[in-house]
Amino acid sequence: MISFTWQVVPTKLEDSNGLNQVVKTLMLNLICDEDPDIRRVKTAVATLNPPSADSFVEFSQLTEQQVLDWGLTQLGEEHITLMKDDLLRQVEMVKNTRVVAEQSGQTTEIIPPWVTPSST
């Protein structure tokens, strides 16, 4: 079964319009797991628009979901769909490579022990 998980990391904070530690740039990782042991990651960078003073949330009060929502909105549905489609193609390529490798008795991919599917 294929699952997608988002991971978000603020990468740039700045002071803007009298507001301190405004999140300006995010790195968004889309993680695609295929049971039992295929994992692929696609990364996108989102540059956020400065907030208004009314909607500003102190950096220490932000939640991961809130920041993720901002980033996903900035990326847009079309970009997100392209990312997912690319990851699905990569997973299929790995699966097909494994079938060919098994049939020929070769090993073509090394999966380190620290790369494991998410447990969610």
Protein backbone atom coordinates (compact mmCIF):
# COMPACT_ATOMS: atom_id res chain seq x y z
CA MET A 1 0.00 0.00 0.00
CA ILE A 2 1.31 3.44 -0.90
CA SER A 3 1.20 6.25 1.65
CA PHE A 4 2.17 9.90 1.39
CA THR A 5 3.43 11.95 4.34
CA TRP A 6 4.45 15.60 4.47
CA GLN A 7 7.37 16.96 6.45
CA VAL A 8 7.83 20.73 6.72
CA VAL A 9 10.89 22.67 7.83
CA PRO A 10 11.05 26.47 8.08
CA THR A 11 14.34 27.44 6.42
CA LYS A 12 14.29 31.23 6.56
CA LEU A 13 12.98 33.62 9.19
CA GLU A 14 13.08 37.38 8.86
CA ASP A 15 11.84 40.50 10.56
CA SER A 16 9.20 42.22 8.45
CA ASN A 17 6.88 45.19 8.97
CA GLY A 18 7.72 45.39 12.68
CA LEU A 19 7.09 41.65 13.16
CA ASN A 20 9.88 39.38 14.45
CA GLN A 21 10.78 35.89 13.22
CA VAL A 22 8.36 35.81 10.32
CA VAL A 23 8.53 32.50 8.43
CA LYS A 24 9.61 33.42 4.91
CA THR A 25 10.73 30.13 3.32
CA LEU A 26 9.76 26.51 3.88
CA MET A 27 11.21 23.24 2.70
CA LEU A 28 8.41 20.73 2.10
CA ASN A 29 9.31 17.04 1.81
CA LEU A 30 6.72 14.70 0.36
CA ILE A 31 7.56 11.17 1.49
CA CYS A 32 6.14 8.26 -0.46
CA ASP A 33 6.26 4.84 1.19
CA GLU A 34 5.35 1.58 -0.53
CA ASP A 35 5.14 -1.43 1.76
CA PRO A 36 7.34 -3.01 2.82
CA ASP A 37 10.55 -1.18 2.01
CA ILE A 38 10.43 1.38 -0.80
CA ARG A 39 10.72 5.04 0.17
CA ARG A 40 11.10 8.00 -2.13
CA VAL A 41 11.18 11.70 -1.21
CA LYS A 42 10.48 14.78 -3.30
CA THR A 43 11.33 18.25 -1.99
CA ALA A 44 9.83 21.62 -2.85
CA VAL A 45 10.58 25.09 -1.54
CA ALA A 46 7.76 27.52 -0.78
CA THR A 47 8.27 31.24 -0.30
CA LEU A 48 5.51 32.70 1.84
CA ASN A 49 3.92 36.11 1.58
CA PRO A 50 4.42 38.32 4.64
CA PRO A 51 1.53 38.13 7.10
CA SER A 52 -0.51 41.09 8.18
CA ALA A 53 -0.16 42.21 11.77
CA ASP A 54 -3.69 40.88 12.41
CA SER A 55 -2.91 37.35 11.21
CA PHE A 56 0.64 37.10 12.58
CA VAL A 57 1.39 34.19 14.90
CA GLU A 58 4.54 34.26 17.02
CA PHE A 59 7.11 31.72 15.83
CA SER A 60 7.07 29.93 19.20
CA GLN A 61 3.28 29.48 18.90
CA LEU A 62 3.20 27.96 15.38
CA THR A 63 2.10 24.39 14.85
CA GLU A 64 3.48 22.06 12.21
CA GLN A 65 0.03 21.72 10.62
CA GLN A 66 -0.41 25.48 10.40
CA VAL A 67 2.95 25.96 8.66
CA LEU A 68 2.34 22.95 6.42
CA ASP A 69 -1.02 24.38 5.35
CA TRP A 70 0.67 27.66 4.42
CA GLY A 71 3.27 25.82 2.37
CA LEU A 72 0.76 23.59 0.59
CA THR A 73 -1.39 26.60 -0.27
CA GLN A 74 1.66 28.34 -1.71
CA LEU A 75 2.63 25.26 -3.79
CA GLY A 76 -0.87 24.77 -5.15
CA GLU A 77 -2.76 21.61 -6.08
CA GLU A 78 -1.17 21.29 -9.53
CA HIS A 79 2.38 21.28 -8.14
CA ILE A 80 1.40 18.81 -5.40
CA THR A 81 -0.19 16.48 -7.97
CA LEU A 82 2.97 16.61 -10.12
CA MET A 83 5.09 15.74 -7.08
CA LYS A 84 2.88 12.76 -6.20
CA ASP A 85 2.83 11.51 -9.79
CA ASP A 86 6.63 11.70 -9.99
CA LEU A 87 7.00 9.75 -6.74
CA LEU A 88 4.57 7.08 -7.96
CA ARG A 89 6.64 6.70 -11.16
CA GLN A 90 9.79 6.34 -9.08
CA VAL A 91 8.19 3.66 -6.91
CA GLU A 92 7.05 1.72 -9.98
CA MET A 93 10.52 1.98 -11.48
CA VAL A 94 12.06 0.53 -8.31
CA LYS A 95 9.50 -2.28 -8.23
CA ASN A 96 10.12 -3.11 -11.91
CA THR A 97 13.89 -3.01 -11.41
CA ARG A 98 13.57 -5.44 -8.52
CA VAL A 99 11.54 -7.89 -10.61
CA VAL A 100 14.17 -7.86 -13.36
CA ALA A 101 16.96 -8.19 -10.80
CA GLU A 102 15.24 -11.12 -9.08
CA GLN A 103 14.71 -12.88 -12.40
CA SER A 104 18.37 -12.46 -13.35
CA GLY A 105 19.71 -13.22 -9.87
CA GLN A 106 21.27 -9.75 -9.50
CA THR A 107 20.97 -7.18 -6.77
CA THR A 108 20.51 -3.63 -8.02
CA GLU A 109 19.51 -1.62 -4.97
CA ILE A 110 20.88 -1.37 -1.48
CA ILE A 111 18.43 -0.15 1.14
CA PRO A 112 20.16 1.03 4.30
CA PRO A 113 18.65 -0.19 7.59
CA TRP A 114 17.75 3.36 8.66
CA VAL A 115 15.42 3.82 5.67
CA THR A 116 12.14 2.39 6.83
CA PRO A 117 8.51 3.02 5.91
CA SER A 118 6.55 5.31 8.16
CA SER A 119 4.47 3.61 10.82
CA THR A 120 1.45 5.87 10.33
